[in-house]
Amino acid sequence: MSSKITEAENKLDALLPVGRLEQSPPGELMNAAKAWSQVVWDEAEQSGPMKLSDEEIIQGHMLAQSPVFICGVHRSGTTLVRDLLDGHPELVVLPSEGTFYTNLEFKLNSLPENERSAFLGKEWLRRLVNPINQPPYWLLGRSTNTVSPYVGFAQYIMAWWNIVDKKNSQWPHTAIVLAYASCSGNLKAKLWIDKTPANERFLDRIWQEMPNAKIIHVIREPNAVISSRKTMEPSISMRVALRDLKMSFRAAVEQSDLNGPKFMLLRYEELCEYPQANIDRMVSFLNINPSITLNQSTVAGMPTKANSSFNREAPSGQILKPDQHSRPEVLIKTEQDLIAAYIGQLAAKLNYPLAKVGSLKKLFLQLRYRLW
């Protein structure tokens, strides 16, 4: 194996931050990550696609048909749900947000077909190094002068890219899922898990293309969501944050009314207060066996504090605590009134009663913030 991989890997590792990145990764880090992923992809291309056995292909096709999407507005608790499911032996849990429908599909479609596998492959190589902008890093381990698990992952992408069923538009993402399952030795898993906030916008399309898909939609008290987004995403406007929340809540109300067997509504606050009861609900919904791994928050099996909104204590008598980012004093009174005016009716349907706002004040706030 080329020594360029370990050299690029060491350079990239030296730039990874010790703590959480609160903003976008700096240019030097991004450039090092791109350079490393290019070297890895080039090495994989020289070696060629991984050879898959007939049994692996059968297992892969079966796994591909059983997706689970964790969705909900940003800062609602989706990361915690993903991290609790991570490590369960019957699940393949992507360690980073999938973002296929929300982001990557558009970028892929703008490229020539012969460039798409390399683009998506290198994107996911970088995500396996730094999935959540804070430790743990290097989810497949570190490369040596003789072998790199990341070259293997790239070779698996190349293999599945040619074999995966292309009946639905998400097949490139499915190739990534199967490559990750292959290199983690979990092709026999029952389900694969994708956590992507805002995927609730695409539920009709998801179920049209993947009829077996299950959805876990996480919701959270509106003021807590907005205050957390305001703290963690300083550049976001109140208008955008509220429209995102309204979209998510509308989808939650619509699907809850249908009460379908492939949809589960999960409230952040209930998960905080009654963790075991809600873990049991997920076990039943996904039809998987109970496991001690469900009492541990991990990414790719490694302990994490990825979702700073939660602090999980010892397995016996566990407690989940809201963090400082959802403090009500983050929002001024006008902002709290605006939230109630814009989303109050939907919130009430989801058992989140907000303060009443008079008709004239409601109209004034909606005009002021251009929220019709």
Protein backbone atom coordinates (compact mmCIF):
# COMPACT_ATOMS: atom_id res chain seq x y z
CA MET A 1 0.00 0.00 0.00
CA SER A 2 1.22 3.51 -0.80
CA SER A 3 2.89 5.39 2.04
CA LYS A 4 1.00 8.45 0.78
CA ILE A 5 -2.07 7.23 2.68
CA THR A 6 -0.44 7.14 6.09
CA GLU A 7 1.31 10.44 5.42
CA ALA A 8 -1.96 12.13 4.44
CA GLU A 9 -3.72 10.42 7.33
CA ASN A 10 -1.23 11.69 9.89
CA LYS A 11 -1.50 15.21 8.53
CA LEU A 12 -5.30 15.07 8.72
CA ASP A 13 -5.29 13.57 12.20
CA ALA A 14 -3.11 16.40 13.51
CA LEU A 15 -5.75 18.93 12.40
CA LEU A 16 -8.77 17.23 13.97
CA PRO A 17 -10.03 19.29 16.95
CA VAL A 18 -9.91 17.95 20.49
CA GLY A 19 -13.41 19.22 21.27
CA ARG A 20 -16.58 19.99 19.38
CA LEU A 21 -16.44 22.17 16.27
CA GLU A 22 -19.14 24.78 16.82
CA GLN A 23 -18.75 26.19 13.31
CA SER A 24 -17.91 24.80 9.88
CA PRO A 25 -14.54 23.01 9.70
CA PRO A 26 -11.67 25.41 8.86
CA GLY A 27 -10.27 25.44 5.34
CA GLU A 28 -6.99 23.76 6.29
CA LEU A 29 -8.86 20.82 7.83
CA MET A 30 -11.18 20.48 4.84
CA ASN A 31 -8.30 20.59 2.37
CA ALA A 32 -6.40 17.92 4.31
CA ALA A 33 -9.51 15.72 4.45
CA LYS A 34 -10.07 16.07 0.70
CA ALA A 35 -6.44 15.29 -0.07
CA TRP A 36 -6.52 12.19 2.13
CA SER A 37 -9.80 10.91 0.64
CA GLN A 38 -8.42 11.38 -2.87
CA VAL A 39 -5.30 9.33 -2.06
CA VAL A 40 -7.44 6.57 -0.54
CA TRP A 41 -9.81 6.51 -3.50
CA ASP A 42 -6.94 6.39 -5.97
CA GLU A 43 -5.44 3.40 -4.13
CA ALA A 44 -8.81 1.62 -4.17
CA GLU A 45 -9.20 2.22 -7.90
CA GLN A 46 -5.79 0.67 -8.54
CA SER A 47 -6.80 -2.41 -6.51
CA GLY A 48 -10.28 -2.65 -8.04
CA PRO A 49 -13.69 -3.42 -6.52
CA MET A 50 -13.87 -5.84 -3.61
CA LYS A 51 -14.91 -9.34 -4.63
CA LEU A 52 -18.28 -10.29 -3.13
CA SER A 53 -19.43 -13.87 -2.60
CA ASP A 54 -22.87 -15.06 -3.70
CA GLU A 55 -23.89 -15.23 -0.05
CA GLU A 56 -22.80 -11.64 0.56
CA ILE A 57 -24.76 -10.43 -2.44
CA ILE A 58 -27.91 -12.21 -1.22
CA GLN A 59 -27.48 -10.78 2.27
CA GLY A 60 -26.86 -7.31 0.87
CA HIS A 61 -29.98 -7.33 -1.27
CA MET A 62 -32.08 -8.43 1.72
CA LEU A 63 -30.62 -5.74 3.99
CA ALA A 64 -31.12 -3.03 1.36
CA GLN A 65 -34.89 -3.58 1.47
CA SER A 66 -35.23 -2.78 5.19
CA PRO A 67 -34.40 0.87 5.93
CA VAL A 68 -35.28 2.91 9.01
CA PHE A 69 -35.16 6.70 8.84
CA ILE A 70 -34.79 8.78 12.00
CA CYS A 71 -35.97 12.30 11.26
CA GLY A 72 -37.20 15.48 12.91
CA VAL A 73 -36.27 19.13 12.93
CA HIS A 74 -32.66 20.03 13.84
CA ARG A 75 -31.99 20.07 17.62
CA SER A 76 -34.96 17.83 18.39
CA GLY A 77 -32.96 14.84 19.66
CA THR A 78 -32.48 12.75 16.51
CA THR A 79 -28.78 12.22 17.20
CA LEU A 80 -29.42 10.66 20.58
CA VAL A 81 -31.91 8.20 19.11
CA ARG A 82 -29.37 7.20 16.45
CA ASP A 83 -26.61 6.83 19.06
CA LEU A 84 -28.78 4.64 21.29
CA LEU A 85 -29.56 2.30 18.40
CA ASP A 86 -25.90 2.18 17.36
CA GLY A 87 -24.17 -1.06 18.21
CA HIS A 88 -27.28 -3.25 18.26
CA PRO A 89 -26.31 -6.53 16.54
CA GLU A 90 -29.44 -6.55 14.34
CA LEU A 91 -28.87 -3.03 13.01
CA VAL A 92 -26.48 -1.27 10.66
CA VAL A 93 -26.45 2.32 11.88
CA LEU A 94 -24.80 4.91 9.66
CA PRO A 95 -22.41 6.88 11.90
CA SER A 96 -23.05 10.19 10.13
CA GLU A 97 -26.18 11.84 8.77
CA GLY A 98 -27.24 10.33 5.45
CA THR A 99 -28.40 13.62 3.86
CA PHE A 100 -29.13 11.92 0.53
CA TYR A 101 -32.53 13.47 -0.15
CA THR A 102 -31.72 16.74 1.59
CA ASN A 103 -28.32 17.42 0.03
CA LEU A 104 -26.31 14.76 -1.78
CA GLU A 105 -28.82 13.71 -4.43
CA PHE A 106 -28.82 17.17 -6.01
CA LYS A 107 -25.01 17.27 -6.05
CA LEU A 108 -24.78 13.79 -7.56
CA ASN A 109 -27.27 14.59 -10.32
CA SER A 110 -25.23 17.64 -11.30
CA LEU A 111 -22.22 15.44 -12.08
CA PRO A 112 -21.50 13.19 -15.07
CA GLU A 113 -22.39 9.58 -14.28
CA ASN A 114 -18.78 8.43 -14.40
CA GLU A 115 -17.85 10.85 -11.58
CA ARG A 116 -20.65 10.07 -9.15
CA SER A 117 -19.25 7.04 -7.35
CA ALA A 118 -15.96 8.83 -6.67
CA PHE A 119 -17.74 11.95 -5.40
CA LEU A 120 -20.00 10.04 -3.02
CA GLY A 121 -17.29 7.62 -1.99
CA LYS A 122 -14.83 10.35 -1.02
CA GLU A 123 -17.58 12.23 0.80
CA TRP A 124 -18.28 9.17 2.94
CA LEU A 125 -14.61 8.42 3.49
CA ARG A 126 -14.35 11.85 5.11
CA ARG A 127 -17.49 11.21 7.15
CA LEU A 128 -15.98 8.01 8.54
CA VAL A 129 -13.00 10.03 9.73
CA ASN A 130 -15.03 12.86 11.27
CA PRO A 131 -18.72 11.92 11.41
CA ILE A 132 -20.01 14.46 13.95
CA ASN A 133 -17.38 17.24 14.12
CA GLN A 134 -16.08 15.98 17.45
CA PRO A 135 -14.57 12.72 18.77
CA PRO A 136 -14.74 9.82 18.11
CA TYR A 137 -12.72 10.04 14.90
CA TRP A 138 -11.38 7.34 12.54
CA LEU A 139 -14.34 5.02 12.92
CA LEU A 140 -12.72 2.16 10.98
CA GLY A 141 -9.42 2.48 12.84
CA ARG A 142 -6.11 3.82 11.56
CA SER A 143 -4.23 2.78 8.44
CA THR A 144 -0.80 1.17 8.52
CA ASN A 145 1.93 0.88 5.91
CA THR A 146 0.45 -2.45 4.80
CA VAL A 147 -3.34 -2.10 5.06
CA SER A 148 -6.01 0.59 5.25
CA PRO A 149 -9.62 -0.14 6.25
CA TYR A 150 -10.63 2.95 4.29
CA VAL A 151 -9.27 1.56 1.06
CA GLY A 152 -11.34 -1.54 1.81
CA PHE A 153 -14.44 0.61 2.37
CA ALA A 154 -13.86 2.36 -0.97
CA GLN A 155 -13.47 -1.00 -2.70
CA TYR A 156 -16.75 -2.16 -1.20
CA ILE A 157 -18.45 0.98 -2.52
CA MET A 158 -17.15 0.21 -5.99
CA ALA A 159 -18.40 -3.36 -5.72
CA TRP A 160 -21.90 -2.52 -4.46
CA TRP A 161 -22.22 0.39 -6.88
CA ASN A 162 -22.32 -2.11 -9.73
CA ILE A 163 -24.48 -4.73 -7.98
CA VAL A 164 -27.07 -2.86 -5.93
CA ASP A 165 -30.68 -2.82 -7.14
CA LYS A 166 -31.26 0.45 -9.01
CA LYS A 167 -35.07 0.46 -8.92
CA ASN A 168 -35.25 3.52 -6.68
CA SER A 169 -33.44 6.84 -6.85
CA GLN A 170 -31.68 6.29 -3.53
CA TRP A 171 -29.60 3.37 -4.80
CA PRO A 172 -26.28 5.28 -4.57
CA HIS A 173 -26.94 5.80 -0.86
CA THR A 174 -27.83 2.13 -0.53
CA ALA A 175 -24.43 1.26 -1.99
CA ILE A 176 -22.84 3.31 0.81
CA VAL A 177 -24.96 1.52 3.43
CA LEU A 178 -23.97 -1.91 2.11
CA ALA A 179 -20.30 -0.93 1.90
CA TYR A 180 -20.39 0.17 5.54
CA ALA A 181 -22.21 -3.03 6.52
CA SER A 182 -19.63 -5.08 4.64
CA CYS A 183 -16.53 -3.52 6.17
CA SER A 184 -18.08 -3.64 9.65
CA GLY A 185 -18.99 -7.34 9.22
CA ASN A 186 -22.73 -6.78 9.61
CA LEU A 187 -24.32 -7.69 6.27
CA LYS A 188 -26.56 -10.15 8.12
CA ALA A 189 -28.25 -7.31 9.99
CA LYS A 190 -32.04 -7.05 9.97
CA LEU A 191 -32.35 -3.28 9.35
CA TRP A 192 -30.23 -0.28 8.41
CA ILE A 193 -30.60 3.09 10.09
CA ASP A 194 -30.25 6.54 8.54
CA LYS A 195 -30.52 9.64 10.74
CA THR A 196 -31.17 12.81 8.77
CA PRO A 197 -33.06 15.83 10.14
CA ALA A 198 -35.74 17.14 7.75
CA ASN A 199 -36.18 13.79 5.98
CA GLU A 200 -39.82 14.05 7.11
CA ARG A 201 -40.25 16.29 4.05
CA PHE A 202 -39.77 13.24 1.85
CA LEU A 203 -41.96 10.62 3.56
CA ASP A 204 -44.27 10.09 0.58
CA ARG A 205 -41.31 9.59 -1.71
CA ILE A 206 -39.52 7.33 0.76
CA TRP A 207 -42.51 5.03 1.08
CA GLN A 208 -43.16 5.06 -2.65
CA GLU A 209 -39.60 3.96 -3.40
CA MET A 210 -39.05 1.81 -0.30
CA PRO A 211 -42.41 0.39 0.85
CA ASN A 212 -40.84 -1.43 3.82
CA ALA A 213 -39.23 1.71 5.25
CA LYS A 214 -39.95 2.58 8.88
CA ILE A 215 -39.85 6.12 10.24
CA ILE A 216 -38.96 7.32 13.75
CA HIS A 217 -39.97 10.99 13.92
CA VAL A 218 -38.52 12.82 16.93
CA ILE A 219 -40.25 15.96 18.22
CA ARG A 220 -39.40 18.36 21.00
CA GLU A 221 -41.03 21.31 22.80
CA PRO A 222 -40.98 24.27 20.35
CA ASN A 223 -39.32 26.86 22.61
CA ALA A 224 -36.56 24.38 23.47
CA VAL A 225 -35.92 23.61 19.79
CA ILE A 226 -35.75 27.27 18.76
CA SER A 227 -33.59 28.31 21.71
CA SER A 228 -31.19 25.45 21.02
CA ARG A 229 -30.95 26.32 17.32
CA LYS A 230 -30.46 29.98 18.18
CA THR A 231 -27.55 29.06 20.45
CA MET A 232 -25.93 26.42 18.26
CA GLU A 233 -26.65 28.06 14.90
CA PRO A 234 -26.19 31.81 15.53
CA SER A 235 -26.59 32.70 11.85
CA ILE A 236 -30.01 31.08 11.44
CA SER A 237 -32.96 33.47 11.19
CA MET A 238 -36.05 33.07 13.35
CA ARG A 239 -38.07 32.91 10.16
CA VAL A 240 -36.16 29.92 8.78
CA ALA A 241 -36.10 28.11 12.13
CA LEU A 242 -39.85 28.51 12.55
CA ARG A 243 -40.65 27.36 9.03
CA ASP A 244 -38.50 24.26 9.55
CA LEU A 245 -40.30 23.53 12.81
CA LYS A 246 -43.75 24.05 11.33
CA MET A 247 -42.96 21.72 8.44
CA SER A 248 -41.75 19.04 10.83
CA PHE A 249 -44.73 19.40 13.17
CA ARG A 250 -47.19 19.31 10.28
CA ALA A 251 -45.70 16.02 9.08
CA ALA A 252 -45.83 14.65 12.64
CA VAL A 253 -49.52 15.56 12.98
CA GLU A 254 -50.43 14.10 9.60
CA GLN A 255 -48.65 10.78 10.20
CA SER A 256 -49.89 10.51 13.79
CA ASP A 257 -53.46 10.88 12.53
CA LEU A 258 -52.87 8.03 10.09
CA ASN A 259 -51.41 5.92 12.91
CA GLY A 260 -49.63 3.63 10.46
CA PRO A 261 -47.52 0.66 11.59
CA LYS A 262 -44.44 2.06 9.82
CA PHE A 263 -44.41 5.38 11.68
CA MET A 264 -43.37 6.05 15.27
CA LEU A 265 -43.61 9.44 16.97
CA LEU A 266 -41.05 9.89 19.74
CA ARG A 267 -41.08 12.85 22.12
CA TYR A 268 -37.73 14.07 23.39
CA GLU A 269 -39.15 14.89 26.80
CA GLU A 270 -40.61 11.43 27.25
CA LEU A 271 -37.31 9.85 26.28
CA CYS A 272 -35.64 12.03 28.91
CA GLU A 273 -38.12 11.18 31.64
CA TYR A 274 -38.86 7.54 30.81
CA PRO A 275 -35.82 6.26 28.85
CA GLN A 276 -36.39 2.54 29.32
CA ALA A 277 -40.08 2.68 28.39
CA ASN A 278 -39.28 4.50 25.18
CA ILE A 279 -36.37 2.21 24.35
CA ASP A 280 -38.82 -0.66 24.74
CA ARG A 281 -41.17 1.12 22.34
CA MET A 282 -38.40 1.32 19.74
CA VAL A 283 -37.53 -2.35 20.24
CA SER A 284 -41.17 -3.28 19.60
CA PHE A 285 -41.52 -0.92 16.63
CA LEU A 286 -38.38 -2.20 14.94
CA ASN A 287 -39.11 -5.81 15.92
CA ILE A 288 -35.61 -6.37 17.27
CA ASN A 289 -34.39 -8.15 20.39
CA PRO A 290 -33.67 -6.19 23.58
CA SER A 291 -29.96 -5.52 24.02
CA ILE A 292 -27.73 -3.89 26.60
CA THR A 293 -26.29 -1.78 23.77
CA LEU A 294 -29.54 0.20 23.74
CA ASN A 295 -28.57 1.61 27.14
CA GLN A 296 -25.36 3.12 25.75
CA SER A 297 -24.89 6.13 23.49
CA THR A 298 -22.22 5.29 20.89
CA VAL A 299 -21.04 6.04 17.37
CA ALA A 300 -19.74 2.99 15.52
CA GLY A 301 -19.59 1.26 18.89
CA MET A 302 -17.43 3.97 20.49
CA PRO A 303 -18.74 6.02 23.45
CA THR A 304 -19.71 9.55 22.53
CA LYS A 305 -21.24 12.74 23.77
CA ALA A 306 -22.26 13.58 20.24
CA ASN A 307 -25.62 15.04 21.20
CA SER A 308 -24.83 17.70 23.78
CA SER A 309 -28.53 17.96 24.57
CA PHE A 310 -28.34 14.82 26.67
CA ASN A 311 -26.36 13.40 29.56
CA ARG A 312 -26.95 9.71 30.05
CA GLU A 313 -26.04 8.37 33.49
CA ALA A 314 -25.41 4.80 34.68
CA PRO A 315 -27.58 2.00 33.20
CA SER A 316 -29.45 1.57 36.48
CA GLY A 317 -31.79 4.48 37.08
CA GLN A 318 -30.63 6.33 33.99
CA ILE A 319 -31.46 9.99 33.64
CA LEU A 320 -31.42 12.10 30.51
CA LYS A 321 -31.02 15.82 31.20
CA PRO A 322 -31.69 18.77 28.89
CA ASP A 323 -28.61 20.93 28.43
CA GLN A 324 -27.87 24.62 28.59
CA HIS A 325 -28.74 25.18 24.93
CA SER A 326 -32.48 24.88 25.61
CA ARG A 327 -32.67 27.42 28.44
CA PRO A 328 -35.83 29.54 28.06
CA GLU A 329 -33.94 32.79 28.78
CA VAL A 330 -32.24 32.39 25.40
CA LEU A 331 -35.51 33.60 23.85
CA ILE A 332 -36.88 37.07 24.44
CA LYS A 333 -40.60 37.53 25.12
CA THR A 334 -41.34 38.66 21.56
CA GLU A 335 -39.73 35.52 20.17
CA GLN A 336 -41.73 33.29 22.51
CA ASP A 337 -44.92 35.08 21.41
CA LEU A 338 -43.92 34.65 17.77
CA ILE A 339 -43.44 30.90 18.25
CA ALA A 340 -46.86 30.64 19.89
CA ALA A 341 -48.49 32.73 17.16
CA TYR A 342 -46.98 30.82 14.27
CA ILE A 343 -47.03 27.23 15.50
CA GLY A 344 -49.39 27.24 18.48
CA GLN A 345 -52.21 25.25 16.89
CA LEU A 346 -49.91 22.51 15.56
CA ALA A 347 -48.01 22.36 18.84
CA ALA A 348 -51.23 21.88 20.79
CA LYS A 349 -52.13 18.89 18.62
CA LEU A 350 -48.82 17.33 19.64
CA ASN A 351 -49.41 18.04 23.35
CA TYR A 352 -47.15 21.08 23.48
CA PRO A 353 -49.52 23.84 24.67
CA LEU A 354 -48.10 27.33 24.17
CA ALA A 355 -49.21 30.67 25.57
CA LYS A 356 -52.23 32.25 23.88
CA VAL A 357 -51.55 35.22 21.61
CA GLY A 358 -54.29 37.69 20.66
CA SER A 359 -55.42 37.94 17.02
CA LEU A 360 -54.04 41.44 16.44
CA LYS A 361 -50.70 40.65 18.03
CA LYS A 362 -50.52 37.40 16.07
CA LEU A 363 -51.12 39.26 12.81
CA PHE A 364 -48.56 41.92 13.70
CA LEU A 365 -45.88 39.32 14.51
CA GLN A 366 -46.50 37.35 11.35
CA LEU A 367 -46.28 40.52 9.25
CA ARG A 368 -43.15 41.68 11.02
CA TYR A 369 -41.33 38.39 10.47
CA ARG A 370 -42.88 37.71 7.04
CA LEU A 371 -44.49 34.50 8.25
CA TRP A 372 -47.85 34.24 6.53
